[in-house]
């Protein structure tokens, strides 16, 4: 409880439950390492900084006085047979739900870099079970808080000999941004340009040599991830 009080104390005096929910969500993603022990004790997971992020977040919400529930969702790739006896292979994704019944917010904690309230394409529109004594079946909304999108702006300066200098800006939101944040997590700055050139640029343009790289939003959950890079190639 002292942890929650300390975190919430950083917020403005007029902070809402939604503000507190966002803050505790960001803290959970940053500080809890995922582990496959969903049915363990949430206080022990919190103390050990390892376990089910959804369970830890739900526990933090309880400590903060935020009404929250847990739901398990059937993913789009799971068996779609309707059954009165669901199993954990069919309903395998655990989400935290807050907000009023007519406008719930479903929160995914699977990956760092996930915006607050974002749900993956695999669970949108799928049915879910409320984990409560009087729980029923609900349906995850078809839409989510941010669109899954990748946009590219490219400027190529082509020389008479066929060589070129190309400047690119790529902007990612939703799942593409989450994927890049996951891929970039833990990559040291000292080798980032080398790996980016070999694993990304040179695969699209064989022989390309990276000349600059700047990535915005790499360490954030909210907002787009923007990559600005330039490279030269002897023959386009």
Protein backbone atom coordinates (compact mmCIF):
# COMPACT_ATOMS: atom_id res chain seq x y z
CA UNK A 1 0.00 0.00 0.00
CA UNK A 2 2.90 2.39 0.70
CA UNK A 3 4.11 1.80 -2.84
CA UNK A 4 0.74 2.79 -4.28
CA UNK A 5 0.48 5.83 -2.03
CA UNK A 6 3.95 6.96 -3.06
CA UNK A 7 3.18 6.61 -6.76
CA UNK A 8 -0.20 8.32 -6.52
CA UNK A 9 1.37 11.17 -4.54
CA UNK A 10 3.23 12.16 -7.72
CA UNK A 11 -0.05 13.04 -9.43
CA UNK A 12 -1.78 16.44 -9.25
CA UNK A 13 -4.28 16.88 -6.41
CA UNK A 14 -7.25 16.68 -8.78
CA UNK A 15 -6.16 13.41 -10.36
CA UNK A 16 -9.00 11.05 -11.28
CA UNK A 17 -9.26 7.29 -10.95
CA UNK A 18 -8.36 7.10 -14.64
CA UNK A 19 -5.18 9.11 -14.00
CA UNK A 20 -4.26 6.74 -11.18
CA UNK A 21 -5.08 3.72 -13.34
CA UNK A 22 -2.77 4.96 -16.11
CA UNK A 23 0.08 5.61 -13.67
CA UNK A 24 -0.15 2.19 -12.01
CA UNK A 25 -0.37 0.54 -15.43
CA UNK A 26 2.82 2.23 -16.62
CA UNK A 27 4.59 1.27 -13.39
CA UNK A 28 3.52 -2.38 -13.73
CA UNK A 29 4.79 -2.70 -17.30
CA UNK A 30 8.11 -1.09 -16.36
CA UNK A 31 8.76 -3.00 -13.14
CA UNK A 32 7.14 -6.45 -13.27
CA UNK A 33 8.85 -9.18 -15.27
CA UNK A 34 6.30 -11.59 -16.76
CA UNK A 35 6.26 -15.16 -15.49
CA UNK A 36 3.88 -18.06 -16.00
CA UNK A 37 2.33 -18.20 -12.53
CA UNK A 38 -1.11 -16.68 -13.03
CA UNK A 39 -2.57 -18.45 -10.00
CA UNK A 40 0.08 -17.36 -7.50
CA UNK A 41 -0.44 -14.79 -4.78
CA UNK A 42 -0.46 -11.28 -6.24
CA UNK A 43 1.23 -9.67 -3.18
CA UNK A 44 4.14 -12.10 -3.55
CA UNK A 45 4.39 -11.32 -7.26
CA UNK A 46 4.51 -7.64 -6.44
CA UNK A 47 7.16 -8.15 -3.78
CA UNK A 48 9.28 -10.28 -6.10
CA UNK A 49 8.68 -7.98 -9.10
CA UNK A 50 7.84 -11.08 -11.17
CA UNK A 51 4.65 -12.86 -12.14
CA UNK A 52 1.39 -12.17 -13.92
CA UNK A 53 1.32 -8.47 -14.74
CA UNK A 54 -2.47 -8.57 -15.03
CA UNK A 55 -2.78 -10.04 -11.53
CA UNK A 56 -0.33 -7.49 -10.09
CA UNK A 57 -2.09 -4.58 -11.79
CA UNK A 58 -5.49 -5.79 -10.55
CA UNK A 59 -4.04 -6.00 -7.03
CA UNK A 60 -2.59 -2.47 -7.27
CA UNK A 61 -5.97 -1.18 -8.41
CA UNK A 62 -7.59 -2.78 -5.38
CA UNK A 63 -5.06 -1.07 -3.10
CA UNK A 64 -5.73 2.25 -4.82
CA UNK A 65 -9.50 1.90 -4.45
CA UNK A 66 -10.09 1.54 -8.19
CA UNK A 67 -12.90 -0.84 -9.16
CA UNK A 68 -11.41 -3.49 -11.43
CA UNK A 69 -12.17 -6.99 -12.66
CA UNK A 70 -10.27 -9.75 -14.44
CA UNK A 71 -11.53 -11.41 -17.60
CA UNK A 72 -10.10 -14.27 -19.65
CA UNK A 73 -10.53 -13.99 -23.40
CA UNK A 74 -10.85 -16.49 -26.21
CA UNK A 75 -8.42 -15.44 -28.95
CA UNK A 76 -9.37 -15.49 -32.61
CA UNK A 77 -7.04 -18.45 -33.22
CA UNK A 78 -8.52 -20.60 -30.46
CA UNK A 79 -11.24 -23.24 -30.78
CA UNK A 80 -14.48 -21.35 -31.48
CA UNK A 81 -16.79 -24.16 -30.35
CA UNK A 82 -19.39 -22.88 -27.89
CA UNK A 83 -19.09 -24.89 -24.68
CA UNK A 84 -20.54 -24.57 -21.16
CA UNK A 85 -17.21 -25.85 -19.79
CA UNK A 86 -14.48 -23.51 -21.04
CA UNK A 87 -10.84 -24.50 -20.57
CA UNK A 88 -7.66 -22.51 -20.17
CA UNK A 89 -6.42 -23.43 -23.64
CA UNK A 90 -9.46 -21.79 -25.22
CA UNK A 91 -9.60 -18.79 -22.88
CA UNK A 92 -5.92 -18.03 -22.51
CA UNK A 93 -5.56 -14.22 -22.45
CA UNK A 94 -6.01 -12.40 -19.15
CA UNK A 95 -7.16 -8.76 -19.25
CA UNK A 96 -7.92 -6.21 -16.54
CA UNK A 97 -11.20 -4.30 -16.87
CA UNK A 98 -12.04 -0.96 -15.31
CA UNK A 99 -14.67 1.71 -15.91
CA UNK A 100 -18.47 1.65 -16.06
CA UNK A 101 -20.39 -1.28 -17.51
CA UNK A 102 -21.56 0.74 -20.50
CA UNK A 103 -18.04 1.96 -21.37
CA UNK A 104 -15.48 -0.51 -19.99
CA UNK A 105 -11.75 -0.20 -20.59
CA UNK A 106 -9.94 -3.48 -21.20
CA UNK A 107 -6.25 -3.37 -20.32
CA UNK A 108 -3.63 -5.70 -21.76
CA UNK A 109 -0.36 -6.15 -19.89
CA UNK A 110 1.35 -8.72 -22.13
CA UNK A 111 4.00 -6.48 -23.69
CA UNK A 112 5.88 -3.36 -22.70
CA UNK A 113 5.20 -0.48 -25.06
CA UNK A 114 1.46 -1.18 -25.14
CA UNK A 115 -0.77 1.91 -24.90
CA UNK A 116 -3.18 2.05 -21.96
CA UNK A 117 -6.49 0.46 -23.00
CA UNK A 118 -5.12 -1.09 -26.20
CA UNK A 119 -6.33 -4.57 -27.14
CA UNK A 120 -4.63 -6.74 -29.74
CA UNK A 121 -6.39 -7.76 -32.98
CA UNK A 122 -6.51 -11.38 -31.77
CA UNK A 123 -8.93 -10.55 -28.92
CA UNK A 124 -11.08 -7.82 -30.47
CA UNK A 125 -14.67 -8.94 -30.88
CA UNK A 126 -14.01 -12.18 -28.99
CA UNK A 127 -15.97 -13.45 -26.00
CA UNK A 128 -14.51 -13.37 -22.51
CA UNK A 129 -15.36 -14.83 -19.10
CA UNK A 130 -15.60 -12.62 -16.03
CA UNK A 131 -13.54 -14.07 -13.18
CA UNK A 132 -16.04 -13.54 -10.40
CA UNK A 133 -18.50 -15.67 -8.43
CA UNK A 134 -21.42 -14.19 -10.38
CA UNK A 135 -19.41 -13.58 -13.56
CA UNK A 136 -20.86 -14.01 -16.99
CA UNK A 137 -19.77 -13.83 -20.59
CA UNK A 138 -18.86 -10.47 -22.16
CA UNK A 139 -17.55 -9.46 -25.56
CA UNK A 140 -14.39 -7.44 -26.13
CA UNK A 141 -15.04 -4.34 -28.29
CA UNK A 142 -14.20 -4.52 -32.00
CA UNK A 143 -12.27 -1.26 -31.80
CA UNK A 144 -9.45 -0.09 -29.56
CA UNK A 145 -7.80 3.15 -28.45
CA UNK A 146 -5.31 3.49 -31.30
CA UNK A 147 -5.21 2.32 -34.90
CA UNK A 148 -2.72 -0.29 -36.08
CA UNK A 149 -0.83 1.65 -38.72
CA UNK A 150 2.53 2.09 -40.43
CA UNK A 151 3.19 5.15 -42.61
CA UNK A 152 6.34 5.84 -44.64
CA UNK A 153 7.70 9.12 -45.96
CA UNK A 154 10.68 8.61 -48.29
CA UNK A 155 12.91 11.10 -50.11
CA UNK A 156 15.39 9.63 -52.61
CA UNK A 157 18.12 11.69 -54.26
CA UNK A 158 19.29 9.71 -57.28
CA UNK A 159 22.67 10.46 -58.88
CA UNK A 160 23.54 10.05 -62.57
CA UNK A 161 25.63 6.96 -61.84
CA UNK A 162 22.69 5.17 -60.21
CA UNK A 163 23.80 5.72 -56.61
CA UNK A 164 21.35 7.29 -54.19
CA UNK A 165 20.93 8.89 -50.80
CA UNK A 166 17.60 8.06 -49.20
CA UNK A 167 16.00 9.70 -46.15
CA UNK A 168 13.10 7.84 -44.54
CA UNK A 169 10.59 8.60 -41.78
CA UNK A 170 8.49 5.66 -40.61
CA UNK A 171 5.67 6.19 -38.10
CA UNK A 172 4.10 3.26 -36.25
CA UNK A 173 1.03 3.10 -34.02
CA UNK A 174 -0.78 0.22 -32.37
CA UNK A 175 0.56 -3.28 -32.94
CA UNK A 176 3.42 -2.23 -35.30
CA UNK A 177 4.70 0.19 -32.64
CA UNK A 178 4.43 -2.45 -29.91
CA UNK A 179 6.34 -4.91 -32.08
CA UNK A 180 9.18 -2.48 -32.69
CA UNK A 181 9.40 -1.52 -29.02
CA UNK A 182 9.66 -5.20 -28.16
CA UNK A 183 12.35 -5.79 -30.78
CA UNK A 184 14.35 -2.76 -29.62
CA UNK A 185 14.08 -3.55 -25.90
CA UNK A 186 17.48 -4.29 -24.48
CA UNK A 187 19.45 -3.35 -27.61
CA UNK A 188 22.43 -1.27 -26.39
CA UNK A 189 22.86 2.15 -27.97
CA UNK A 190 26.43 1.23 -28.94
CA UNK A 191 25.26 -1.44 -31.39
CA UNK A 192 21.83 -0.10 -32.36
CA UNK A 193 22.88 1.45 -35.69
CA UNK A 194 24.89 -1.62 -36.68
CA UNK A 195 22.01 -3.98 -35.97
CA UNK A 196 19.44 -1.69 -37.59
CA UNK A 197 21.52 -1.51 -40.76
CA UNK A 198 22.12 -5.26 -41.00
CA UNK A 199 18.72 -6.53 -39.90
CA UNK A 200 16.43 -3.94 -41.45
CA UNK A 201 17.82 -1.46 -43.98
CA UNK A 202 20.17 -3.84 -45.80
CA UNK A 203 17.41 -6.45 -46.10
CA UNK A 204 15.24 -3.98 -48.01
CA UNK A 205 18.12 -2.40 -49.95
CA UNK A 206 21.04 -4.85 -50.26
CA UNK A 207 24.37 -3.06 -49.95
CA UNK A 208 22.89 0.00 -48.21
CA UNK A 209 25.05 1.84 -45.67
CA UNK A 210 23.24 3.58 -42.84
CA UNK A 211 24.37 7.19 -42.28
CA UNK A 212 21.99 8.32 -39.51
CA UNK A 213 19.32 6.95 -37.20
CA UNK A 214 16.97 8.59 -34.70
CA UNK A 215 14.10 6.80 -32.93
CA UNK A 216 11.43 8.67 -30.94
CA UNK A 217 9.02 6.93 -28.57
CA UNK A 218 11.13 3.84 -28.08
CA UNK A 219 10.80 3.81 -24.28
CA UNK A 220 7.17 4.96 -24.11
CA UNK A 221 3.82 3.19 -23.97
CA UNK A 222 1.70 6.01 -25.36
CA UNK A 223 2.06 7.82 -28.66
CA UNK A 224 3.60 6.71 -31.93
CA UNK A 225 7.06 5.28 -32.48
CA UNK A 226 8.88 7.31 -35.13
CA UNK A 227 12.07 6.17 -36.88
CA UNK A 228 14.05 8.66 -38.95
CA UNK A 229 17.01 7.26 -40.81
CA UNK A 230 19.14 7.89 -43.86
CA UNK A 231 21.32 5.60 -45.94
CA UNK A 232 23.40 5.55 -49.09
CA UNK A 233 23.45 2.87 -51.75
CA UNK A 234 25.85 2.45 -54.66
CA UNK A 235 23.18 1.33 -57.11
CA UNK A 236 19.47 1.84 -56.63
